[in-house]
Amino acid sequence: MAFNCKDESITLTINSVVVAGWTGRNLAAVQQHIDELAELGIAPPSQIPLYYRVSTAMLTQSESIEVLGEGSSGEVEPLLIRAGGKTYFGLASDHTDRDLEAYSVAASKQACAKPIATSLWDFDDIADHLDDIRLRCWIDEKGKEVLYQDGTLAGIRPLADLCTGAGISDGTAMLCGTFAAIAGVRPAQSYRMEVSDPHSGKTIALSYSVVALPIIA
């Protein structure tokens, strides 16, 4: 896949994709979320955090994705890519089929494309202030842009720990988890996401729209 890093175009080969789940640093909050999902019939994770594998074909840089039905939603996540002996930091959306999630979280992760931004940062440039990195997501709701998620990496387990837990190697991309949705998880027709570095003033942006395909019986 092609990216821009430090004003240069680079091409990275991605052979495997990992979606890390249940990565919140506040374990009490994670457990509360598990309990909430259990009431909806969603089975608890077998371990915390949990590392789901999805097809590399799920990664997309398209400005629009197609999903089956109205029951999916996206969420802003930090993206790590290990390639050529280096680690890069980017932005992604773990778009997930919420209806399918009640049957199988692993299956729900594989059901939707995962939009990723075309820009990357050198991980070494932000490694000493990761907790200050801020991620936000806005959705289109009834014609108005509404803040949907807002948090810093201080709310997510240390990224180095997630890399170790997932055992990522050269050629691996990993979505690293997210924050709670403001006013609850819900579908939207479009998403705008941003990761910002208060130290450098730099940002990475990601926007995409969602086309819902009909479910034919």
Protein backbone atom coordinates (compact mmCIF):
# COMPACT_ATOMS: atom_id res chain seq x y z
CA MET A 1 0.00 0.00 0.00
CA ALA A 2 1.15 3.54 -0.74
CA PHE A 3 1.55 6.14 2.01
CA ASN A 4 3.03 9.56 2.64
CA CYS A 5 5.59 9.88 5.44
CA LYS A 6 7.70 12.99 6.07
CA ASP A 7 6.56 14.42 2.73
CA GLU A 8 7.83 11.36 0.88
CA SER A 9 5.85 8.65 -0.88
CA ILE A 10 6.56 5.15 0.43
CA THR A 11 5.15 1.74 -0.43
CA LEU A 12 4.79 -0.80 2.39
CA THR A 13 4.09 -4.50 2.01
CA ILE A 14 1.49 -5.73 4.50
CA ASN A 15 1.22 -9.51 4.87
CA SER A 16 -0.96 -9.74 7.98
CA VAL A 17 -3.46 -7.59 9.85
CA VAL A 18 -4.27 -7.72 13.55
CA VAL A 19 -7.18 -5.97 15.26
CA ALA A 20 -6.46 -5.58 18.97
CA GLY A 21 -9.53 -5.51 21.18
CA TRP A 22 -10.23 -4.77 24.84
CA THR A 23 -7.13 -2.58 25.00
CA GLY A 24 -8.32 0.02 27.53
CA ARG A 25 -5.78 0.89 30.20
CA ASN A 26 -8.51 1.23 32.86
CA LEU A 27 -9.35 -2.40 33.55
CA ALA A 28 -12.45 -1.55 35.59
CA ALA A 29 -13.88 0.35 32.61
CA VAL A 30 -13.05 -2.55 30.30
CA GLN A 31 -14.85 -4.97 32.59
CA GLN A 32 -17.86 -2.66 32.76
CA HIS A 33 -18.03 -2.65 28.95
CA ILE A 34 -17.76 -6.46 28.90
CA ASP A 35 -20.68 -6.66 31.34
CA GLU A 36 -22.75 -4.27 29.21
CA LEU A 37 -22.14 -6.34 26.08
CA ALA A 38 -22.96 -9.55 27.96
CA GLU A 39 -26.43 -8.15 28.62
CA LEU A 40 -26.81 -7.84 24.83
CA GLY A 41 -25.84 -11.47 24.34
CA ILE A 42 -22.24 -10.83 23.28
CA ALA A 43 -19.85 -13.36 24.80
CA PRO A 44 -16.95 -12.03 26.90
CA PRO A 45 -13.42 -12.18 25.46
CA SER A 46 -11.33 -15.26 26.19
CA GLN A 47 -8.49 -13.00 27.33
CA ILE A 48 -7.69 -9.29 27.72
CA PRO A 49 -6.47 -7.84 25.46
CA LEU A 50 -7.47 -10.05 22.54
CA TYR A 51 -5.84 -10.08 19.11
CA TYR A 52 -8.12 -10.82 16.15
CA ARG A 53 -6.70 -11.71 12.74
CA VAL A 54 -8.40 -10.31 9.64
CA SER A 55 -7.65 -10.53 5.95
CA THR A 56 -5.20 -8.02 4.50
CA ALA A 57 -7.85 -7.37 1.83
CA MET A 58 -9.92 -5.65 4.54
CA LEU A 59 -7.57 -2.64 4.59
CA THR A 60 -8.71 0.12 2.29
CA GLN A 61 -7.82 3.73 1.51
CA SER A 62 -11.07 4.29 -0.34
CA GLU A 63 -13.27 7.25 0.61
CA SER A 64 -16.32 4.97 0.66
CA ILE A 65 -17.05 1.45 1.90
CA GLU A 66 -20.00 -0.87 1.31
CA VAL A 67 -21.52 -2.84 4.18
CA LEU A 68 -24.39 -5.30 4.46
CA GLY A 69 -27.39 -3.81 6.23
CA GLU A 70 -27.72 -0.92 8.66
CA GLY A 71 -26.08 -2.49 11.70
CA SER A 72 -22.42 -1.53 11.35
CA SER A 73 -20.36 1.30 12.81
CA GLY A 74 -16.80 2.59 12.78
CA GLU A 75 -14.41 3.63 15.53
CA VAL A 76 -11.21 5.64 15.51
CA GLU A 77 -8.04 3.67 16.30
CA PRO A 78 -4.28 4.13 16.23
CA LEU A 79 -2.62 2.08 13.50
CA LEU A 80 0.85 0.56 13.69
CA ILE A 81 2.66 -0.85 10.67
CA ARG A 82 5.95 -2.72 10.97
CA ALA A 83 7.80 -2.78 7.65
CA GLY A 84 11.40 -2.72 6.49
CA GLY A 85 12.66 -2.87 10.07
CA LYS A 86 10.79 0.32 11.02
CA THR A 87 7.54 1.04 12.84
CA TYR A 88 5.07 3.57 11.47
CA PHE A 89 2.11 5.19 13.21
CA GLY A 90 -1.14 5.98 11.44
CA LEU A 91 -4.90 6.22 11.74
CA ALA A 92 -7.61 3.63 11.06
CA SER A 93 -11.26 2.82 11.62
CA ASP A 94 -12.22 -0.61 12.92
CA HIS A 95 -15.54 -0.66 11.09
CA THR A 96 -17.53 -3.58 12.51
CA ASP A 97 -20.83 -5.34 11.86
CA ARG A 98 -22.57 -4.91 15.25
CA ASP A 99 -25.42 -7.29 14.40
CA LEU A 100 -22.94 -10.06 13.58
CA GLU A 101 -20.95 -9.21 16.71
CA ALA A 102 -23.64 -10.82 18.87
CA TYR A 103 -22.96 -14.09 17.07
CA SER A 104 -19.15 -13.84 16.82
CA VAL A 105 -16.83 -10.89 17.44
CA ALA A 106 -14.16 -12.51 15.25
CA ALA A 107 -16.64 -12.88 12.38
CA SER A 108 -17.84 -9.30 12.81
CA LYS A 109 -14.28 -8.00 12.49
CA GLN A 110 -13.91 -9.77 9.16
CA ALA A 111 -17.25 -8.57 7.77
CA CYS A 112 -16.37 -4.92 7.05
CA ALA A 113 -13.55 -3.07 5.34
CA LYS A 114 -11.09 -1.21 7.59
CA PRO A 115 -10.44 2.32 6.26
CA ILE A 116 -6.91 3.63 6.91
CA ALA A 117 -5.35 7.04 6.30
CA THR A 118 -2.81 7.61 3.54
CA SER A 119 -0.39 9.43 5.85
CA LEU A 120 1.96 7.91 8.42
CA TRP A 121 4.35 9.19 11.08
CA ASP A 122 7.69 7.68 12.00
CA PHE A 123 6.94 5.99 15.33
CA ASP A 124 10.31 7.08 16.72
CA ASP A 125 9.27 10.74 16.36
CA ILE A 126 6.39 10.35 18.84
CA ALA A 127 7.62 7.51 21.05
CA ASP A 128 8.59 9.81 23.95
CA HIS A 129 5.14 11.43 24.25
CA LEU A 130 2.67 8.78 23.10
CA ASP A 131 0.21 9.39 25.94
CA ASP A 132 -0.33 12.95 24.68
CA ILE A 133 -1.42 11.86 21.19
CA ARG A 134 -5.13 12.65 20.76
CA LEU A 135 -7.68 10.82 18.60
CA ARG A 136 -11.14 12.12 17.73
CA CYS A 137 -14.02 10.95 15.57
CA TRP A 138 -17.07 12.82 14.29
CA ILE A 139 -20.13 11.31 12.64
CA ASP A 140 -22.87 12.74 10.46
CA GLU A 141 -26.10 12.54 12.44
CA LYS A 142 -29.33 13.97 11.00
CA GLY A 143 -27.31 16.29 8.79
CA LYS A 144 -25.11 17.61 11.61
CA GLU A 145 -21.51 16.68 12.45
CA VAL A 146 -21.41 15.29 16.00
CA LEU A 147 -18.39 14.43 18.13
CA TYR A 148 -18.52 10.65 18.56
CA GLN A 149 -15.21 9.74 20.24
CA ASP A 150 -12.46 11.73 21.94
CA GLY A 151 -9.43 10.50 23.88
CA THR A 152 -5.67 10.26 24.14
CA LEU A 153 -3.37 7.26 23.99
CA ALA A 154 -3.15 7.50 27.78
CA GLY A 155 -6.47 5.65 27.73
CA ILE A 156 -5.07 2.73 25.72
CA ARG A 157 -2.53 0.17 26.88
CA PRO A 158 1.07 1.06 25.94
CA LEU A 159 1.48 0.37 22.23
CA ALA A 160 4.77 -1.43 22.81
CA ASP A 161 2.95 -3.87 25.12
CA LEU A 162 0.30 -4.48 22.45
CA CYS A 163 3.03 -5.18 19.87
CA THR A 164 4.62 -7.71 22.21
CA GLY A 165 1.28 -9.34 23.00
CA ALA A 166 0.37 -9.66 19.34
CA GLY A 167 3.86 -10.81 18.38
CA ILE A 168 3.87 -8.52 15.37
CA SER A 169 6.73 -8.83 12.91
CA ASP A 170 7.81 -7.19 9.67
CA GLY A 171 4.87 -6.88 7.30
CA THR A 172 2.22 -6.62 10.03
CA ALA A 173 -0.38 -3.89 10.49
CA MET A 174 -2.26 -3.62 13.79
CA LEU A 175 -5.30 -1.59 14.79
CA CYS A 176 -4.75 -0.88 18.47
CA GLY A 177 -8.13 -0.36 20.10
CA THR A 178 -10.32 2.61 20.84
CA PHE A 179 -12.36 4.65 23.35
CA ALA A 180 -16.00 4.57 24.39
CA ALA A 181 -18.47 6.22 22.04
CA ILE A 182 -20.06 9.41 23.31
CA ALA A 183 -23.79 8.69 23.81
CA GLY A 184 -23.32 5.06 22.78
CA VAL A 185 -22.30 2.98 19.76
CA ARG A 186 -24.52 3.62 16.73
CA PRO A 187 -24.34 3.56 12.93
CA ALA A 188 -23.64 6.59 10.75
CA GLN A 189 -23.45 7.36 7.06
CA SER A 190 -20.12 9.17 7.25
CA TYR A 191 -17.12 9.48 9.54
CA ARG A 192 -14.37 12.05 9.99
CA MET A 193 -11.39 11.11 12.13
CA GLU A 194 -8.21 12.81 13.23
CA VAL A 195 -5.10 12.04 15.24
CA SER A 196 -3.12 15.04 16.47
CA ASP A 197 0.27 15.53 18.08
CA PRO A 198 0.24 18.56 20.43
CA HIS A 199 4.03 18.62 20.49
CA SER A 200 4.53 19.06 16.74
CA GLY A 201 1.11 20.40 15.79
CA LYS A 202 0.84 17.74 13.08
CA THR A 203 -2.35 15.83 12.29
CA ILE A 204 -3.43 12.83 10.25
CA ALA A 205 -6.97 12.87 8.89
CA LEU A 206 -9.29 10.12 7.68
CA SER A 207 -12.79 10.50 6.24
CA TYR A 208 -15.10 7.99 4.61
CA SER A 209 -18.74 7.38 3.81
CA VAL A 210 -20.77 4.19 4.26
CA VAL A 211 -23.09 2.64 1.70
CA ALA A 212 -25.51 0.12 3.23
CA LEU A 213 -26.41 -2.77 0.90
CA PRO A 214 -29.83 -4.39 1.31
CA ILE A 215 -30.14 -7.67 3.16
CA ILE A 216 -31.95 -10.03 0.81
CA ALA A 217 -33.82 -12.94 2.41
